[in-house]
Amino acid sequence: MQIRTPAVAGMFYPNEKKELKKVIKECFLHNFGPGKIPPSNIKKKIFGVICPHAGYVYSGPIACNSFYEISSDLPNLFIIIGPNHWGIGSSVATMTDTKWETPLGEIEVNSEIAEEISKLTDVIEIDNFSHSREHSLEVQIPILQEIAANFKIVPIALINQSKEIAIKVGIAVAKIAQKNKVMIIGSSDFTHYESNKFAYEQDAALIEPILELDVDRFYDILHKKDISACGYGAIASTMIACKEIGATKGELLKYATSGDISGDKSSVVGYGSIIFT
């Protein structure tokens, strides 16, 4: 069993256990967070979520809205889909025989499910190297460790985020979710390095088709408006999988930008927390 050591501990989130737990608690209680500590008593069926993946100081509170919503009924398997920012390894990659290490402990990859998902489509390869430096999946795990116990993950990192790939990945994930109790997490930030006003306008346009689970319109708006959402393929894969297993709509829990948090609104990144029900 390999150990996938943290790539961004000490940068995106604290690398010391006590401090990390404190920061995550603060994210849940933050003005832009849910304002409460999980577990929730929310009874609705949630098929999947969209979470941002920046440093906790910026996007942690927004992400915690999604984590709070799912905390009342947690599975023991999370399929986490995110972009491969580094462009290393396979075009679409999961992994096996690995434990992901964080300051809060180790979380094992469900190798059996990862093997199965790679056989369900011709695009998902098993390639541990693809995951070695990627933060979009890593930053979700410490927050999961704070709300869930005894769970495993199936990480999927995308270099190719085309609609065709997203459809294949989404359908493969749905087939797994139909046979297992799973929560699907799509990891993405929205507009990058634009003014606050422009980011809000761009992202409002892109979030609309996400809430309607309209993948064709999502890609159409993404390309027409040239929106710089880094994990658009992860969002689309999650939409497709959730719709396939019974979701009928998305719900925007919170949207904010790095500028809303820091006060510097000249060049911001947008963050959205969305659930599919």
C-alpha atoms as a PDB file:
ATOM      1  CA  MET A   1       0.000   0.000   0.000  1.00  0.00           C
ATOM      2  CA  GLN A   2       1.470   3.326  -1.107  1.00  0.00           C
ATOM      3  CA  ILE A   3       1.140   6.519   0.935  1.00  0.00           C
ATOM      4  CA  ARG A   4       0.109   9.603  -1.012  1.00  0.00           C
ATOM      5  CA  THR A   5       1.705  12.347   1.083  1.00  0.00           C
ATOM      6  CA  PRO A   6       0.083  15.808   1.244  1.00  0.00           C
ATOM      7  CA  ALA A   7       1.019  18.155  -1.601  1.00  0.00           C
ATOM      8  CA  VAL A   8      -0.418  21.374  -0.164  1.00  0.00           C
ATOM      9  CA  ALA A   9      -0.478  20.963   3.645  1.00  0.00           C
ATOM     10  CA  GLY A  10       1.089  24.084   5.127  1.00  0.00           C
ATOM     11  CA  MET A  11      -0.012  26.100   2.083  1.00  0.00           C
ATOM     12  CA  PHE A  12      -3.718  25.564   1.385  1.00  0.00           C
ATOM     13  CA  TYR A  13      -4.465  24.422   4.937  1.00  0.00           C
ATOM     14  CA  PRO A  14      -2.466  24.030   8.191  1.00  0.00           C
ATOM     15  CA  ASN A  15      -0.035  21.108   8.390  1.00  0.00           C
ATOM     16  CA  GLU A  16      -0.482  20.671  12.127  1.00  0.00           C
ATOM     17  CA  LYS A  17      -3.432  18.596  13.399  1.00  0.00           C
ATOM     18  CA  LYS A  18      -4.705  20.855  16.186  1.00  0.00           C
ATOM     19  CA  GLU A  19      -4.471  24.007  14.059  1.00  0.00           C
ATOM     20  CA  LEU A  20      -6.153  22.282  11.099  1.00  0.00           C
ATOM     21  CA  LYS A  21      -9.097  21.143  13.251  1.00  0.00           C
ATOM     22  CA  LYS A  22      -9.430  24.709  14.587  1.00  0.00           C
ATOM     23  CA  VAL A  23      -9.411  26.206  11.071  1.00  0.00           C
ATOM     24  CA  ILE A  24     -12.042  23.747   9.802  1.00  0.00           C
ATOM     25  CA  LYS A  25     -14.282  24.559  12.791  1.00  0.00           C
ATOM     26  CA  GLU A  26     -13.865  28.274  12.017  1.00  0.00           C
ATOM     27  CA  CYS A  27     -14.856  27.623   8.376  1.00  0.00           C
ATOM     28  CA  PHE A  28     -18.127  26.005   9.504  1.00  0.00           C
ATOM     29  CA  LEU A  29     -18.873  28.913  11.867  1.00  0.00           C
ATOM     30  CA  HIS A  30     -17.785  31.653   9.411  1.00  0.00           C
ATOM     31  CA  ASN A  31     -20.223  34.276   8.082  1.00  0.00           C
ATOM     32  CA  PHE A  32     -19.864  32.726   4.606  1.00  0.00           C
ATOM     33  CA  GLY A  33     -20.149  29.195   6.011  1.00  0.00           C
ATOM     34  CA  PRO A  34     -23.250  27.420   7.323  1.00  0.00           C
ATOM     35  CA  GLY A  35     -22.756  29.081  10.727  1.00  0.00           C
ATOM     36  CA  LYS A  36     -23.161  25.743  12.493  1.00  0.00           C
ATOM     37  CA  ILE A  37     -21.069  22.717  13.412  1.00  0.00           C
ATOM     38  CA  PRO A  38     -22.110  19.402  11.800  1.00  0.00           C
ATOM     39  CA  PRO A  39     -23.874  17.042  11.897  1.00  0.00           C
ATOM     40  CA  SER A  40     -26.968  18.656  10.438  1.00  0.00           C
ATOM     41  CA  ASN A  41     -30.484  17.280  10.777  1.00  0.00           C
ATOM     42  CA  ILE A  42     -31.283  17.798   7.093  1.00  0.00           C
ATOM     43  CA  LYS A  43     -33.485  14.989   5.778  1.00  0.00           C
ATOM     44  CA  LYS A  44     -33.517  15.580   2.017  1.00  0.00           C
ATOM     45  CA  LYS A  45     -31.802  13.134  -0.330  1.00  0.00           C
ATOM     46  CA  ILE A  46     -28.575  14.652  -1.664  1.00  0.00           C
ATOM     47  CA  PHE A  47     -26.902  12.834  -4.576  1.00  0.00           C
ATOM     48  CA  GLY A  48     -23.796  14.970  -4.931  1.00  0.00           C
ATOM     49  CA  VAL A  49     -22.198  18.348  -4.310  1.00  0.00           C
ATOM     50  CA  ILE A  50     -19.940  20.936  -5.915  1.00  0.00           C
ATOM     51  CA  CYS A  51     -17.199  22.352  -3.660  1.00  0.00           C
ATOM     52  CA  PRO A  52     -14.379  24.852  -4.258  1.00  0.00           C
ATOM     53  CA  HIS A  53     -10.751  23.898  -3.650  1.00  0.00           C
ATOM     54  CA  ALA A  54      -8.699  27.007  -2.847  1.00  0.00           C
ATOM     55  CA  GLY A  55      -6.892  27.703   0.402  1.00  0.00           C
ATOM     56  CA  TYR A  56      -9.200  27.262   3.393  1.00  0.00           C
ATOM     57  CA  VAL A  57      -8.843  30.930   4.348  1.00  0.00           C
ATOM     58  CA  TYR A  58     -10.529  31.848   1.040  1.00  0.00           C
ATOM     59  CA  SER A  59     -12.859  29.019   0.008  1.00  0.00           C
ATOM     60  CA  GLY A  60     -13.146  26.864   3.145  1.00  0.00           C
ATOM     61  CA  PRO A  61     -16.288  28.579   4.515  1.00  0.00           C
ATOM     62  CA  ILE A  62     -18.066  28.299   1.147  1.00  0.00           C
ATOM     63  CA  ALA A  63     -17.123  24.606   0.807  1.00  0.00           C
ATOM     64  CA  CYS A  64     -18.386  23.897   4.321  1.00  0.00           C
ATOM     65  CA  ASN A  65     -21.941  24.771   3.237  1.00  0.00           C
ATOM     66  CA  SER A  66     -21.994  21.618   1.099  1.00  0.00           C
ATOM     67  CA  PHE A  67     -20.281  19.520   3.759  1.00  0.00           C
ATOM     68  CA  TYR A  68     -22.784  20.644   6.390  1.00  0.00           C
ATOM     69  CA  GLU A  69     -25.742  19.708   4.181  1.00  0.00           C
ATOM     70  CA  ILE A  70     -24.507  16.137   3.648  1.00  0.00           C
ATOM     71  CA  SER A  71     -23.368  15.582   7.244  1.00  0.00           C
ATOM     72  CA  SER A  72     -26.656  14.101   8.484  1.00  0.00           C
ATOM     73  CA  ASP A  73     -26.490  11.024   6.254  1.00  0.00           C
ATOM     74  CA  LEU A  74     -22.918  10.133   5.356  1.00  0.00           C
ATOM     75  CA  PRO A  75     -21.881   7.168   3.210  1.00  0.00           C
ATOM     76  CA  ASN A  76     -18.651   5.221   3.631  1.00  0.00           C
ATOM     77  CA  LEU A  77     -17.566   6.006   0.075  1.00  0.00           C
ATOM     78  CA  PHE A  78     -16.867   9.389  -1.519  1.00  0.00           C
ATOM     79  CA  ILE A  79     -16.098   9.681  -5.228  1.00  0.00           C
ATOM     80  CA  ILE A  80     -14.174  12.941  -5.627  1.00  0.00           C
ATOM     81  CA  ILE A  81     -13.756  14.353  -9.143  1.00  0.00           C
ATOM     82  CA  GLY A  82     -11.474  17.303  -9.837  1.00  0.00           C
ATOM     83  CA  PRO A  83      -9.273  18.890 -12.474  1.00  0.00           C
ATOM     84  CA  ASN A  84      -5.637  17.892 -12.854  1.00  0.00           C
ATOM     85  CA  HIS A  85      -4.073  21.369 -12.709  1.00  0.00           C
ATOM     86  CA  TRP A  86      -0.555  20.054 -13.317  1.00  0.00           C
ATOM     87  CA  GLY A  87      -1.396  18.160 -16.513  1.00  0.00           C
ATOM     88  CA  ILE A  88       0.751  15.196 -15.425  1.00  0.00           C
ATOM     89  CA  GLY A  89      -0.073  11.551 -15.934  1.00  0.00           C
ATOM     90  CA  SER A  90      -3.142  10.124 -17.632  1.00  0.00           C
ATOM     91  CA  SER A  91      -5.858  12.162 -19.289  1.00  0.00           C
ATOM     92  CA  VAL A  92      -8.418  10.803 -16.814  1.00  0.00           C
ATOM     93  CA  ALA A  93      -7.075   8.932 -13.801  1.00  0.00           C
ATOM     94  CA  THR A  94      -8.168   7.127 -10.704  1.00  0.00           C
ATOM     95  CA  MET A  95      -5.778   5.147  -8.474  1.00  0.00           C
ATOM     96  CA  THR A  96      -5.469   1.994  -6.369  1.00  0.00           C
ATOM     97  CA  ASP A  97      -3.493   0.522  -3.444  1.00  0.00           C
ATOM     98  CA  THR A  98      -2.976   3.897  -1.810  1.00  0.00           C
ATOM     99  CA  LYS A  99      -3.723   5.707   1.423  1.00  0.00           C
ATOM    100  CA  TRP A 100      -4.009   9.501   1.327  1.00  0.00           C
ATOM    101  CA  GLU A 101      -2.244  11.071   4.260  1.00  0.00           C
ATOM    102  CA  THR A 102      -3.363  14.340   5.849  1.00  0.00           C
ATOM    103  CA  PRO A 103      -2.475  15.901   9.215  1.00  0.00           C
ATOM    104  CA  LEU A 104      -5.678  14.243  10.517  1.00  0.00           C
ATOM    105  CA  GLY A 105      -4.664  10.690   9.540  1.00  0.00           C
ATOM    106  CA  GLU A 106      -4.827   8.353   6.554  1.00  0.00           C
ATOM    107  CA  ILE A 107      -7.766   7.667   4.249  1.00  0.00           C
ATOM    108  CA  GLU A 108      -7.694   4.602   2.038  1.00  0.00           C
ATOM    109  CA  VAL A 109      -8.645   4.484  -1.627  1.00  0.00           C
ATOM    110  CA  ASN A 110     -11.308   1.870  -2.338  1.00  0.00           C
ATOM    111  CA  SER A 111      -9.208  -0.060  -4.842  1.00  0.00           C
ATOM    112  CA  GLU A 112     -11.980  -2.500  -5.733  1.00  0.00           C
ATOM    113  CA  ILE A 113     -14.339   0.317  -6.776  1.00  0.00           C
ATOM    114  CA  ALA A 114     -11.513   2.188  -8.535  1.00  0.00           C
ATOM    115  CA  GLU A 115     -10.739  -0.959 -10.571  1.00  0.00           C
ATOM    116  CA  GLU A 116     -14.415  -1.379 -11.366  1.00  0.00           C
ATOM    117  CA  ILE A 117     -14.904   2.214 -12.460  1.00  0.00           C
ATOM    118  CA  SER A 118     -11.877   2.021 -14.769  1.00  0.00           C
ATOM    119  CA  LYS A 119     -13.435  -1.035 -16.463  1.00  0.00           C
ATOM    120  CA  LEU A 120     -16.814   0.651 -16.935  1.00  0.00           C
ATOM    121  CA  THR A 121     -15.399   3.104 -19.484  1.00  0.00           C
ATOM    122  CA  ASP A 122     -12.444   3.287 -21.844  1.00  0.00           C
ATOM    123  CA  VAL A 123     -11.311   6.708 -20.563  1.00  0.00           C
ATOM    124  CA  ILE A 124     -10.554   6.245 -16.833  1.00  0.00           C
ATOM    125  CA  GLU A 125      -7.070   4.833 -16.288  1.00  0.00           C
ATOM    126  CA  ILE A 126      -5.414   3.709 -13.071  1.00  0.00           C
ATOM    127  CA  ASP A 127      -2.455   6.022 -12.639  1.00  0.00           C
ATOM    128  CA  ASN A 128      -1.247   7.000  -9.178  1.00  0.00           C
ATOM    129  CA  PHE A 129       1.255   9.507 -10.573  1.00  0.00           C
ATOM    130  CA  SER A 130      -1.579  11.716 -11.896  1.00  0.00           C
ATOM    131  CA  HIS A 131      -2.625  12.393  -8.297  1.00  0.00           C
ATOM    132  CA  SER A 132       0.791  13.081  -6.797  1.00  0.00           C
ATOM    133  CA  ARG A 133       0.643  16.897  -6.819  1.00  0.00           C
ATOM    134  CA  GLU A 134      -3.042  17.681  -7.303  1.00  0.00           C
ATOM    135  CA  HIS A 135      -4.746  19.867  -4.675  1.00  0.00           C
ATOM    136  CA  SER A 136      -8.311  19.907  -6.038  1.00  0.00           C
ATOM    137  CA  LEU A 137      -9.054  16.509  -4.472  1.00  0.00           C
ATOM    138  CA  GLU A 138      -6.685  16.763  -1.514  1.00  0.00           C
ATOM    139  CA  VAL A 139      -8.288  19.827   0.083  1.00  0.00           C
ATOM    140  CA  GLN A 140     -11.668  18.079   0.350  1.00  0.00           C
ATOM    141  CA  ILE A 141     -10.307  15.240   2.482  1.00  0.00           C
ATOM    142  CA  PRO A 142      -9.461  16.940   5.830  1.00  0.00           C
ATOM    143  CA  ILE A 143     -12.965  18.459   5.964  1.00  0.00           C
ATOM    144  CA  LEU A 144     -14.446  15.022   5.244  1.00  0.00           C
ATOM    145  CA  GLN A 145     -12.290  13.596   8.030  1.00  0.00           C
ATOM    146  CA  GLU A 146     -13.863  16.080  10.434  1.00  0.00           C
ATOM    147  CA  ILE A 147     -17.455  15.146   9.546  1.00  0.00           C
ATOM    148  CA  ALA A 148     -17.229  11.435   8.650  1.00  0.00           C
ATOM    149  CA  ALA A 149     -15.670   8.274  10.059  1.00  0.00           C
ATOM    150  CA  ASN A 150     -14.637   4.966   8.483  1.00  0.00           C
ATOM    151  CA  PHE A 151     -14.875   6.084   4.884  1.00  0.00           C
ATOM    152  CA  LYS A 152     -12.882   5.436   1.725  1.00  0.00           C
ATOM    153  CA  ILE A 153     -12.439   7.525  -1.400  1.00  0.00           C
ATOM    154  CA  VAL A 154     -12.231   7.035  -5.146  1.00  0.00           C
ATOM    155  CA  PRO A 155     -10.320  10.030  -6.570  1.00  0.00           C
ATOM    156  CA  ILE A 156     -10.699  10.933 -10.251  1.00  0.00           C
ATOM    157  CA  ALA A 157      -8.467  13.632 -11.783  1.00  0.00           C
ATOM    158  CA  LEU A 158      -9.223  15.104 -15.213  1.00  0.00           C
ATOM    159  CA  ILE A 159      -6.798  16.641 -17.681  1.00  0.00           C
ATOM    160  CA  ASN A 160      -9.317  16.249 -20.514  1.00  0.00           C
ATOM    161  CA  GLN A 161     -12.510  18.028 -19.401  1.00  0.00           C
ATOM    162  CA  SER A 162     -14.458  17.889 -22.671  1.00  0.00           C
ATOM    163  CA  LYS A 163     -18.187  17.207 -22.688  1.00  0.00           C
ATOM    164  CA  GLU A 164     -17.592  13.795 -24.252  1.00  0.00           C
ATOM    165  CA  ILE A 165     -15.240  12.793 -21.425  1.00  0.00           C
ATOM    166  CA  ALA A 166     -17.551  14.221 -18.748  1.00  0.00           C
ATOM    167  CA  ILE A 167     -20.443  12.146 -20.082  1.00  0.00           C
ATOM    168  CA  LYS A 168     -18.375   8.945 -19.961  1.00  0.00           C
ATOM    169  CA  VAL A 169     -17.036   9.685 -16.481  1.00  0.00           C
ATOM    170  CA  GLY A 170     -20.464  10.722 -15.189  1.00  0.00           C
ATOM    171  CA  ILE A 171     -22.188   7.584 -16.456  1.00  0.00           C
ATOM    172  CA  ALA A 172     -19.448   5.340 -15.005  1.00  0.00           C
ATOM    173  CA  VAL A 173     -19.744   7.075 -11.622  1.00  0.00           C
ATOM    174  CA  ALA A 174     -23.546   6.704 -11.748  1.00  0.00           C
ATOM    175  CA  LYS A 175     -23.231   2.941 -12.303  1.00  0.00           C
ATOM    176  CA  ILE A 176     -21.139   2.696  -9.131  1.00  0.00           C
ATOM    177  CA  ALA A 177     -23.560   4.920  -7.209  1.00  0.00           C
ATOM    178  CA  GLN A 178     -26.518   2.759  -8.247  1.00  0.00           C
ATOM    179  CA  LYS A 179     -24.958  -0.242  -6.477  1.00  0.00           C
ATOM    180  CA  ASN A 180     -23.271   1.446  -3.488  1.00  0.00           C
ATOM    181  CA  LYS A 181     -24.104   4.187  -1.005  1.00  0.00           C
ATOM    182  CA  VAL A 182     -21.916   6.975  -2.372  1.00  0.00           C
ATOM    183  CA  MET A 183     -21.554  10.741  -2.185  1.00  0.00           C
ATOM    184  CA  ILE A 184     -20.194  12.394  -5.331  1.00  0.00           C
ATOM    185  CA  ILE A 185     -18.052  15.505  -4.870  1.00  0.00           C
ATOM    186  CA  GLY A 186     -17.218  17.672  -7.877  1.00  0.00           C
ATOM    187  CA  SER A 187     -14.298  19.971  -7.085  1.00  0.00           C
ATOM    188  CA  SER A 188     -14.024  23.280  -8.917  1.00  0.00           C
ATOM    189  CA  ASP A 189     -13.491  26.983  -8.469  1.00  0.00           C
ATOM    190  CA  PHE A 190     -15.304  29.368 -10.797  1.00  0.00           C
ATOM    191  CA  THR A 191     -14.009  32.543 -12.506  1.00  0.00           C
ATOM    192  CA  HIS A 192     -10.292  33.268 -11.982  1.00  0.00           C
ATOM    193  CA  TYR A 193      -8.505  36.606 -11.614  1.00  0.00           C
ATOM    194  CA  GLU A 194     -11.156  39.023 -12.808  1.00  0.00           C
ATOM    195  CA  SER A 195     -12.840  41.961 -11.073  1.00  0.00           C
ATOM    196  CA  ASN A 196     -15.398  41.067  -8.410  1.00  0.00           C
ATOM    197  CA  LYS A 197     -18.334  42.420 -10.428  1.00  0.00           C
ATOM    198  CA  PHE A 198     -17.291  40.558 -13.571  1.00  0.00           C
ATOM    199  CA  ALA A 199     -16.761  37.292 -11.645  1.00  0.00           C
ATOM    200  CA  TYR A 200     -20.261  37.529 -10.174  1.00  0.00           C
ATOM    201  CA  GLU A 201     -21.784  38.106 -13.649  1.00  0.00           C
ATOM    202  CA  GLN A 202     -19.837  35.294 -15.327  1.00  0.00           C
ATOM    203  CA  ASP A 203     -20.473  32.789 -12.584  1.00  0.00           C
ATOM    204  CA  ALA A 204     -24.181  33.579 -12.252  1.00  0.00           C
ATOM    205  CA  ALA A 205     -24.521  32.737 -15.952  1.00  0.00           C
ATOM    206  CA  LEU A 206     -22.665  29.433 -15.539  1.00  0.00           C
ATOM    207  CA  ILE A 207     -24.417  28.390 -12.325  1.00  0.00           C
ATOM    208  CA  GLU A 208     -27.863  28.692 -13.915  1.00  0.00           C
ATOM    209  CA  PRO A 209     -27.525  25.600 -16.164  1.00  0.00           C
ATOM    210  CA  ILE A 210     -25.805  23.696 -13.325  1.00  0.00           C
ATOM    211  CA  LEU A 211     -28.925  24.149 -11.177  1.00  0.00           C
ATOM    212  CA  GLU A 212     -31.036  22.952 -14.108  1.00  0.00           C
ATOM    213  CA  LEU A 213     -28.714  19.948 -14.683  1.00  0.00           C
ATOM    214  CA  ASP A 214     -28.412  21.080 -18.306  1.00  0.00           C
ATOM    215  CA  VAL A 215     -24.957  19.916 -19.417  1.00  0.00           C
ATOM    216  CA  ASP A 216     -25.313  21.037 -23.047  1.00  0.00           C
ATOM    217  CA  ARG A 217     -26.188  24.586 -21.986  1.00  0.00           C
ATOM    218  CA  PHE A 218     -23.465  24.519 -19.339  1.00  0.00           C
ATOM    219  CA  TYR A 219     -20.761  23.849 -21.953  1.00  0.00           C
ATOM    220  CA  ASP A 220     -22.369  26.326 -24.363  1.00  0.00           C
ATOM    221  CA  ILE A 221     -22.210  29.173 -21.811  1.00  0.00           C
ATOM    222  CA  LEU A 222     -18.756  28.098 -20.611  1.00  0.00           C
ATOM    223  CA  HIS A 223     -17.344  28.452 -24.139  1.00  0.00           C
ATOM    224  CA  LYS A 224     -19.382  31.442 -25.348  1.00  0.00           C
ATOM    225  CA  LYS A 225     -18.495  33.546 -22.307  1.00  0.00           C
ATOM    226  CA  ASP A 226     -14.993  32.049 -22.014  1.00  0.00           C
ATOM    227  CA  ILE A 227     -15.492  31.380 -18.292  1.00  0.00           C
ATOM    228  CA  SER A 228     -12.326  30.343 -16.455  1.00  0.00           C
ATOM    229  CA  ALA A 229     -13.825  27.712 -14.117  1.00  0.00           C
ATOM    230  CA  CYS A 230     -10.895  25.331 -13.640  1.00  0.00           C
ATOM    231  CA  GLY A 231     -12.901  22.172 -12.901  1.00  0.00           C
ATOM    232  CA  TYR A 232     -15.685  22.495 -15.453  1.00  0.00           C
ATOM    233  CA  GLY A 233     -15.340  18.832 -16.451  1.00  0.00           C
ATOM    234  CA  ALA A 234     -15.613  17.793 -12.807  1.00  0.00           C
ATOM    235  CA  ILE A 235     -18.770  19.891 -12.443  1.00  0.00           C
ATOM    236  CA  ALA A 236     -20.244  18.360 -15.611  1.00  0.00           C
ATOM    237  CA  SER A 237     -19.327  14.785 -14.601  1.00  0.00           C
ATOM    238  CA  THR A 238     -21.002  15.326 -11.229  1.00  0.00           C
ATOM    239  CA  MET A 239     -24.111  16.807 -12.850  1.00  0.00           C
ATOM    240  CA  ILE A 240     -24.387  13.864 -15.237  1.00  0.00           C
ATOM    241  CA  ALA A 241     -23.857  11.239 -12.530  1.00  0.00           C
ATOM    242  CA  CYS A 242     -26.348  12.854 -10.150  1.00  0.00           C
ATOM    243  CA  LYS A 243     -29.011  13.244 -12.855  1.00  0.00           C
ATOM    244  CA  GLU A 244     -28.496   9.616 -13.874  1.00  0.00           C
ATOM    245  CA  ILE A 245     -29.169   8.383 -10.319  1.00  0.00           C
ATOM    246  CA  GLY A 246     -32.211  10.518  -9.649  1.00  0.00           C
ATOM    247  CA  ALA A 247     -31.317  14.166  -9.025  1.00  0.00           C
ATOM    248  CA  THR A 248     -33.800  16.612 -10.529  1.00  0.00           C
ATOM    249  CA  LYS A 249     -32.206  19.951  -9.643  1.00  0.00           C
ATOM    250  CA  GLY A 250     -29.262  21.752  -8.150  1.00  0.00           C
ATOM    251  CA  GLU A 251     -29.437  24.174  -5.233  1.00  0.00           C
ATOM    252  CA  LEU A 252     -26.924  26.996  -4.766  1.00  0.00           C
ATOM    253  CA  LEU A 253     -26.113  27.125  -1.061  1.00  0.00           C
ATOM    254  CA  LYS A 254     -23.515  29.901  -1.235  1.00  0.00           C
ATOM    255  CA  TYR A 255     -21.524  31.894  -3.751  1.00  0.00           C
ATOM    256  CA  ALA A 256     -18.740  34.306  -2.838  1.00  0.00           C
ATOM    257  CA  THR A 257     -15.355  35.378  -4.135  1.00  0.00           C
ATOM    258  CA  SER A 258     -11.896  35.621  -2.653  1.00  0.00           C
ATOM    259  CA  GLY A 259     -12.470  39.394  -2.752  1.00  0.00           C
ATOM    260  CA  ASP A 260     -15.511  39.077  -0.504  1.00  0.00           C
ATOM    261  CA  ILE A 261     -13.287  37.338   2.042  1.00  0.00           C
ATOM    262  CA  SER A 262     -10.082  39.388   1.697  1.00  0.00           C
ATOM    263  CA  GLY A 263     -11.528  42.773   0.760  1.00  0.00           C
ATOM    264  CA  ASP A 264      -9.358  43.043  -2.381  1.00  0.00           C
ATOM    265  CA  LYS A 265     -11.921  42.998  -5.189  1.00  0.00           C
ATOM    266  CA  SER A 266      -9.643  43.937  -8.067  1.00  0.00           C
ATOM    267  CA  SER A 267      -8.683  40.369  -9.032  1.00  0.00           C
ATOM    268  CA  VAL A 268     -10.737  37.581  -7.502  1.00  0.00           C
ATOM    269  CA  VAL A 269     -11.598  33.889  -7.772  1.00  0.00           C
ATOM    270  CA  GLY A 270     -15.233  32.760  -7.547  1.00  0.00           C
ATOM    271  CA  TYR A 271     -16.377  29.920  -5.280  1.00  0.00           C
ATOM    272  CA  GLY A 272     -19.712  28.128  -5.291  1.00  0.00           C
ATOM    273  CA  SER A 273     -21.236  25.503  -3.040  1.00  0.00           C
ATOM    274  CA  ILE A 274     -24.008  23.518  -4.753  1.00  0.00           C
ATOM    275  CA  ILE A 275     -25.980  20.386  -3.868  1.00  0.00           C
ATOM    276  CA  PHE A 276     -27.946  18.113  -6.216  1.00  0.00           C
ATOM    277  CA  THR A 277     -31.253  16.776  -4.928  1.00  0.00           C
END
